[in-house]
């Protein structure tokens, strides 16, 4: 290699190391690629204050909705790799949407630096109280009897709620019209208001409405029945195991993030999760705290992307 190139690379390494040692020395942005009110937003805001204390700098949560999470995720991918522009990594932005949308402007496996998976969360189909059925058997019978009569909301086209519901429809032989929103918050609001018959959403954002009887849970994607919803079966129980996948909520940065910065953020999140208030708030939503290594999170993202790519190819799913 040319001497000048070697010299330039060594200078870059020294500068990167110096930057990392002084990190952080200003406000950190944690971007949520959906509108306020959804699970991604809930997890981000639950962790941000404690993470800021652990790192010694303020962590500001910003929402950048649109494109089923693609717009916000792309902004994180294109940010400077200095640790001051981070993003919430979700199954929608790193697996489901890229798997179904050929126009996704980033590669989920190469354009980010995975840092940590904060928590895994169950997903749920929940209906408006005015829906004729209140349990899974009745729900399925109603959909079979009236194809096309009902609609469902999701956090956006190509998101996990969209892809999992389309997979459910494909496997169960039912048809429900998709109504995409700019995040789970607006989707839930319209479902609770009766504008849409049902939603496929992550449990944490749906749970307050379920607890207040404004939504009725029908079936969940979880390893086993949840203590919060003991009477609600899993997709596996009703014979639809391919739909029985949980979501993840992690933090990533742009590609090229220095390892020292990655390690500091990873350690900061772990410390934040030791706060009993933070831990309790996350677990109360039905989520399971993960707090893994960057390598483990990278492997999860890769595995989930491959699963949804296979789902899309096998079921021949396409964007509407």
Protein backbone atom coordinates (compact mmCIF):
# COMPACT_ATOMS: atom_id res chain seq x y z
CA UNK A 1 0.00 0.00 0.00
CA UNK A 2 1.24 3.54 -0.82
CA UNK A 3 2.97 5.37 2.08
CA UNK A 4 0.62 8.35 1.79
CA UNK A 5 -2.39 6.05 1.99
CA UNK A 6 -0.97 4.32 5.07
CA UNK A 7 -0.25 7.70 6.67
CA UNK A 8 -3.78 8.93 5.93
CA UNK A 9 -5.29 5.77 7.38
CA UNK A 10 -3.19 6.05 10.53
CA UNK A 11 -4.24 9.69 10.97
CA UNK A 12 -7.88 8.65 10.54
CA UNK A 13 -7.48 5.92 13.16
CA UNK A 14 -5.85 8.36 15.62
CA UNK A 15 -8.59 10.95 15.04
CA UNK A 16 -11.31 8.31 15.44
CA UNK A 17 -9.76 7.06 18.69
CA UNK A 18 -9.41 10.61 20.07
CA UNK A 19 -13.04 11.36 19.18
CA UNK A 20 -14.19 8.19 20.88
CA UNK A 21 -12.21 8.92 24.05
CA UNK A 22 -13.91 12.30 24.39
CA UNK A 23 -17.34 10.89 23.60
CA UNK A 24 -19.89 12.16 24.41
CA UNK A 25 -19.36 15.90 24.76
CA UNK A 26 -22.66 17.18 23.36
CA UNK A 27 -26.35 16.26 23.04
CA UNK A 28 -27.10 12.85 21.48
CA UNK A 29 -30.08 12.43 19.15
CA UNK A 30 -32.01 9.16 19.32
CA UNK A 31 -34.32 9.00 16.34
CA UNK A 32 -37.61 7.11 16.37
CA UNK A 33 -38.67 6.37 12.75
CA UNK A 34 -42.38 6.46 13.62
CA UNK A 35 -44.94 8.89 14.99
CA UNK A 36 -45.24 9.31 18.79
CA UNK A 37 -47.33 6.80 20.73
CA UNK A 38 -46.09 3.50 19.31
CA UNK A 39 -43.91 0.88 21.01
CA UNK A 40 -40.69 2.18 19.43
CA UNK A 41 -41.45 5.61 20.86
CA UNK A 42 -42.37 4.18 24.28
CA UNK A 43 -39.13 2.16 24.56
CA UNK A 44 -36.99 5.09 23.33
CA UNK A 45 -38.48 7.56 25.80
CA UNK A 46 -38.31 5.05 28.65
CA UNK A 47 -34.58 4.50 28.13
CA UNK A 48 -33.44 7.99 27.05
CA UNK A 49 -33.18 9.80 30.41
CA UNK A 50 -31.40 6.94 32.16
CA UNK A 51 -29.08 6.47 29.16
CA UNK A 52 -28.29 10.18 29.22
CA UNK A 53 -27.35 9.94 32.91
CA UNK A 54 -25.17 6.90 32.24
CA UNK A 55 -23.33 8.68 29.41
CA UNK A 56 -23.19 12.10 31.09
CA UNK A 57 -25.02 13.88 28.25
CA UNK A 58 -28.62 14.60 27.34
CA UNK A 59 -30.25 12.08 24.98
CA UNK A 60 -33.03 13.73 22.97
CA UNK A 61 -35.70 11.58 21.31
CA UNK A 62 -36.83 12.81 17.89
CA UNK A 63 -39.62 11.34 15.74
CA UNK A 64 -39.21 11.12 11.98
CA UNK A 65 -42.19 9.21 10.61
CA UNK A 66 -42.99 8.01 7.11
CA UNK A 67 -42.54 5.12 4.71
CA UNK A 68 -43.17 2.46 7.35
CA UNK A 69 -40.04 3.64 9.18
CA UNK A 70 -37.82 3.92 6.09
CA UNK A 71 -37.50 7.73 6.09
CA UNK A 72 -36.21 7.93 9.66
CA UNK A 73 -33.99 4.85 9.30
CA UNK A 74 -32.44 6.26 6.13
CA UNK A 75 -31.63 9.50 7.94
CA UNK A 76 -29.79 7.50 10.60
CA UNK A 77 -27.95 5.51 7.92
CA UNK A 78 -26.77 8.72 6.22
CA UNK A 79 -25.72 10.50 9.45
CA UNK A 80 -22.10 11.15 10.42
CA UNK A 81 -20.62 8.12 12.24
CA UNK A 82 -19.74 10.08 15.37
CA UNK A 83 -22.23 8.65 17.89
CA UNK A 84 -24.38 11.77 18.10
CA UNK A 85 -27.04 10.57 15.65
CA UNK A 86 -28.43 7.21 16.72
CA UNK A 87 -31.63 5.45 15.73
CA UNK A 88 -34.10 2.95 17.12
CA UNK A 89 -33.70 -0.32 15.22
CA UNK A 90 -36.91 -2.28 14.69
CA UNK A 91 -37.96 -5.36 12.78
CA UNK A 92 -39.94 -3.07 10.47
CA UNK A 93 -36.93 -0.97 9.47
CA UNK A 94 -34.23 -3.66 9.40
CA UNK A 95 -36.14 -6.73 8.19
CA UNK A 96 -39.80 -6.50 7.17
CA UNK A 97 -39.71 -3.32 5.10
CA UNK A 98 -36.43 -4.01 3.29
CA UNK A 99 -37.64 -7.56 2.58
CA UNK A 100 -40.79 -6.41 0.80
CA UNK A 101 -39.77 -2.99 -0.54
CA UNK A 102 -37.21 -3.12 -3.39
CA UNK A 103 -36.91 0.68 -3.22
CA UNK A 104 -35.57 0.72 0.35
CA UNK A 105 -32.70 3.27 0.11
CA UNK A 106 -30.37 1.43 2.50
CA UNK A 107 -29.03 -2.06 3.08
CA UNK A 108 -30.13 -3.15 6.58
CA UNK A 109 -27.13 -5.49 6.91
CA UNK A 110 -24.33 -3.15 5.80
CA UNK A 111 -25.43 0.48 6.25
CA UNK A 112 -25.76 0.46 10.06
CA UNK A 113 -23.67 -0.32 13.13
CA UNK A 114 -25.80 -2.46 15.49
CA UNK A 115 -25.18 -1.50 19.13
CA UNK A 116 -27.68 -3.28 21.39
CA UNK A 117 -31.10 -4.92 21.40
CA UNK A 118 -32.94 -3.34 24.31
CA UNK A 119 -36.03 -5.53 24.43
CA UNK A 120 -38.15 -8.09 22.59
CA UNK A 121 -41.89 -7.57 22.49
CA UNK A 122 -44.90 -9.74 21.61
CA UNK A 123 -47.27 -8.69 18.82
CA UNK A 124 -51.04 -8.84 18.96
CA UNK A 125 -54.15 -8.78 16.78
CA UNK A 126 -56.70 -6.72 18.66
CA UNK A 127 -60.20 -5.68 17.57
CA UNK A 128 -62.52 -2.78 18.32
CA UNK A 129 -65.10 -3.74 21.00
CA UNK A 130 -67.81 -3.42 18.35
CA UNK A 131 -66.35 -6.32 16.35
CA UNK A 132 -68.81 -9.28 16.37
CA UNK A 133 -66.28 -11.76 17.83
CA UNK A 134 -64.35 -11.59 21.10
CA UNK A 135 -62.20 -14.75 20.82
CA UNK A 136 -60.01 -16.33 18.14
CA UNK A 137 -62.48 -19.00 17.00
CA UNK A 138 -65.22 -16.44 16.47
CA UNK A 139 -62.77 -13.98 14.91
CA UNK A 140 -61.63 -16.48 12.28
CA UNK A 141 -65.20 -17.54 11.52
CA UNK A 142 -66.28 -13.91 11.04
CA UNK A 143 -63.41 -13.17 8.65
CA UNK A 144 -64.11 -16.36 6.67
CA UNK A 145 -67.79 -15.47 6.43
CA UNK A 146 -67.18 -11.87 5.31
CA UNK A 147 -64.05 -11.57 3.13
CA UNK A 148 -63.20 -7.92 2.46
CA UNK A 149 -65.76 -6.53 4.91
CA UNK A 150 -63.21 -5.54 7.55
CA UNK A 151 -60.04 -3.44 7.58
CA UNK A 152 -56.93 -3.46 9.77
CA UNK A 153 -54.50 -0.73 10.73
CA UNK A 154 -50.71 -0.99 10.87
CA UNK A 155 -47.78 1.31 11.66
CA UNK A 156 -47.09 1.62 7.92
CA UNK A 157 -46.75 -0.18 4.62
CA UNK A 158 -43.95 -2.72 4.81
CA UNK A 159 -43.78 -2.62 8.61
CA UNK A 160 -43.89 -5.70 10.83
CA UNK A 161 -47.63 -5.30 11.51
CA UNK A 162 -48.34 -5.16 7.79
CA UNK A 163 -46.11 -8.09 6.88
CA UNK A 164 -47.25 -10.32 9.73
CA UNK A 165 -50.93 -9.63 9.04
CA UNK A 166 -50.43 -10.35 5.34
CA UNK A 167 -48.72 -13.61 6.30
CA UNK A 168 -51.63 -14.38 8.64
CA UNK A 169 -54.14 -13.70 5.85
CA UNK A 170 -52.18 -15.91 3.47
CA UNK A 171 -51.97 -18.83 5.89
CA UNK A 172 -55.54 -18.55 7.24
CA UNK A 173 -57.22 -17.97 3.88
CA UNK A 174 -58.84 -14.71 4.95
CA UNK A 175 -58.98 -11.22 3.47
CA UNK A 176 -58.90 -7.96 5.43
CA UNK A 177 -58.13 -4.57 3.84
CA UNK A 178 -54.87 -2.91 4.91
CA UNK A 179 -54.99 0.71 6.15
CA UNK A 180 -51.40 1.94 6.71
CA UNK A 181 -50.53 4.82 9.07
CA UNK A 182 -47.41 6.85 9.91
CA UNK A 183 -46.85 4.90 13.10
CA UNK A 184 -48.67 2.74 15.65
CA UNK A 185 -49.94 5.76 17.61
CA UNK A 186 -52.21 7.09 14.82
CA UNK A 187 -53.15 3.53 13.81
CA UNK A 188 -54.29 2.71 17.35
CA UNK A 189 -56.21 5.97 17.69
CA UNK A 190 -58.31 5.21 14.61
CA UNK A 191 -58.88 1.60 15.66
CA UNK A 192 -60.01 2.65 19.13
CA UNK A 193 -62.28 5.25 17.50
CA UNK A 194 -63.86 2.55 15.35
CA UNK A 195 -62.60 3.93 12.03
CA UNK A 196 -60.78 0.60 11.50
CA UNK A 197 -62.00 -2.80 12.70
CA UNK A 198 -58.72 -4.18 14.05
CA UNK A 199 -54.98 -3.67 14.32
CA UNK A 200 -51.85 -5.80 14.18
CA UNK A 201 -49.53 -4.05 16.59
CA UNK A 202 -46.78 -4.53 19.15
CA UNK A 203 -48.22 -5.28 22.57
CA UNK A 204 -46.66 -2.38 24.56
CA UNK A 205 -48.47 0.32 22.58
CA UNK A 206 -51.73 -1.66 22.48
CA UNK A 207 -51.70 -2.73 26.13
CA UNK A 208 -53.16 0.49 27.66
CA UNK A 209 -56.15 0.22 25.30
CA UNK A 210 -56.53 -3.50 26.06
CA UNK A 211 -56.38 -2.86 29.81
CA UNK A 212 -59.06 -0.16 29.51
CA UNK A 213 -61.26 -2.48 27.36
CA UNK A 214 -61.04 -0.16 24.37
CA UNK A 215 -59.44 -2.98 22.36
CA UNK A 216 -60.05 -6.74 22.62
CA UNK A 217 -56.97 -8.98 22.18
CA UNK A 218 -57.55 -11.97 19.89
CA UNK A 219 -54.21 -13.72 19.37
CA UNK A 220 -50.57 -12.96 20.25
CA UNK A 221 -47.15 -13.63 18.75
CA UNK A 222 -45.15 -14.81 21.76
CA UNK A 223 -43.21 -17.90 22.94
CA UNK A 224 -46.07 -18.81 25.29
CA UNK A 225 -49.25 -17.28 26.69
CA UNK A 226 -48.58 -14.01 28.46
CA UNK A 227 -49.25 -13.52 32.16
CA UNK A 228 -50.89 -10.18 31.28
CA UNK A 229 -53.25 -11.93 28.80
CA UNK A 230 -53.67 -15.50 30.10
CA UNK A 231 -56.80 -16.22 28.06
CA UNK A 232 -55.36 -15.14 24.70
CA UNK A 233 -53.77 -17.91 22.59
CA UNK A 234 -50.50 -17.62 20.66
CA UNK A 235 -50.35 -17.98 16.88
CA UNK A 236 -48.57 -21.28 17.44
CA UNK A 237 -51.53 -22.56 19.48
CA UNK A 238 -53.95 -21.78 16.66
CA UNK A 239 -51.77 -23.60 14.13
CA UNK A 240 -50.00 -20.61 12.59
CA UNK A 241 -46.47 -20.87 13.97
CA UNK A 242 -44.83 -18.85 11.12
CA UNK A 243 -46.68 -15.75 12.39
CA UNK A 244 -45.49 -16.35 15.96
CA UNK A 245 -42.52 -13.91 15.86
CA UNK A 246 -41.72 -11.25 18.44
CA UNK A 247 -40.41 -7.78 17.59
CA UNK A 248 -37.13 -6.24 18.74
CA UNK A 249 -36.29 -2.69 19.77
CA UNK A 250 -32.63 -1.79 19.73
CA UNK A 251 -30.23 1.03 19.06
CA UNK A 252 -27.95 1.36 16.06
CA UNK A 253 -25.87 4.03 14.38
CA UNK A 254 -24.55 4.66 10.88
CA UNK A 255 -21.96 2.26 9.48
CA UNK A 256 -18.38 3.03 10.51
CA UNK A 257 -19.20 3.95 14.11
CA UNK A 258 -15.95 3.59 16.14
CA UNK A 259 -15.87 0.52 18.37
CA UNK A 260 -15.07 2.63 21.43
CA UNK A 261 -18.27 4.63 20.87
CA UNK A 262 -20.30 1.48 20.30
CA UNK A 263 -19.00 -0.01 23.54
CA UNK A 264 -19.77 3.17 25.52
CA UNK A 265 -23.36 3.28 24.28
CA UNK A 266 -23.83 -0.46 24.85
CA UNK A 267 -22.54 -0.12 28.42
CA UNK A 268 -24.72 2.99 28.94
CA UNK A 269 -27.89 1.15 27.88
CA UNK A 270 -27.03 -1.80 30.13
CA UNK A 271 -26.55 0.59 33.06
CA UNK A 272 -29.84 2.35 32.23
CA UNK A 273 -31.65 -1.00 32.28
CA UNK A 274 -30.38 -1.59 35.83
CA UNK A 275 -32.59 1.30 36.96
CA UNK A 276 -35.58 -0.43 38.65
CA UNK A 277 -38.00 2.20 37.30
CA UNK A 278 -36.81 1.74 33.70
CA UNK A 279 -36.78 -2.05 33.99
CA UNK A 280 -40.28 -2.11 35.51
CA UNK A 281 -41.68 0.28 32.89
CA UNK A 282 -40.40 -1.87 30.02
CA UNK A 283 -41.47 -5.18 31.54
CA UNK A 284 -44.95 -3.82 32.36
CA UNK A 285 -45.55 -3.44 28.64
CA UNK A 286 -45.12 -7.19 28.18
CA UNK A 287 -41.60 -6.77 26.80
CA UNK A 288 -38.63 -8.98 27.67
CA UNK A 289 -35.33 -7.16 28.32
CA UNK A 290 -32.52 -8.50 26.11
CA UNK A 291 -29.48 -6.17 26.48
CA UNK A 292 -27.12 -8.19 24.27
CA UNK A 293 -23.78 -7.51 22.56
CA UNK A 294 -23.36 -5.65 19.26
CA UNK A 295 -22.39 -8.93 17.58
CA UNK A 296 -25.45 -10.73 18.92
CA UNK A 297 -27.74 -7.91 17.79
CA UNK A 298 -26.15 -7.90 14.33
CA UNK A 299 -26.81 -11.66 14.08
CA UNK A 300 -30.46 -11.12 15.13
CA UNK A 301 -30.97 -8.46 12.47
CA UNK A 302 -29.48 -10.72 9.79
CA UNK A 303 -31.58 -13.72 10.87
CA UNK A 304 -34.81 -11.69 10.98
CA UNK A 305 -34.18 -10.15 7.56
CA UNK A 306 -33.63 -13.60 6.07
CA UNK A 307 -36.86 -14.90 7.67
CA UNK A 308 -38.98 -12.06 6.26
CA UNK A 309 -37.29 -12.24 2.86
CA UNK A 310 -38.30 -15.90 2.72
CA UNK A 311 -41.84 -15.00 3.88
CA UNK A 312 -42.14 -12.39 1.10
CA UNK A 313 -40.76 -14.72 -1.58
CA UNK A 314 -42.78 -17.77 -0.50
CA UNK A 315 -46.08 -15.92 -0.09
CA UNK A 316 -45.30 -13.67 -3.10
CA UNK A 317 -46.17 -10.61 -1.07
CA UNK A 318 -45.90 -7.24 -2.79
CA UNK A 319 -46.35 -3.63 -1.74
CA UNK A 320 -49.92 -2.42 -2.29
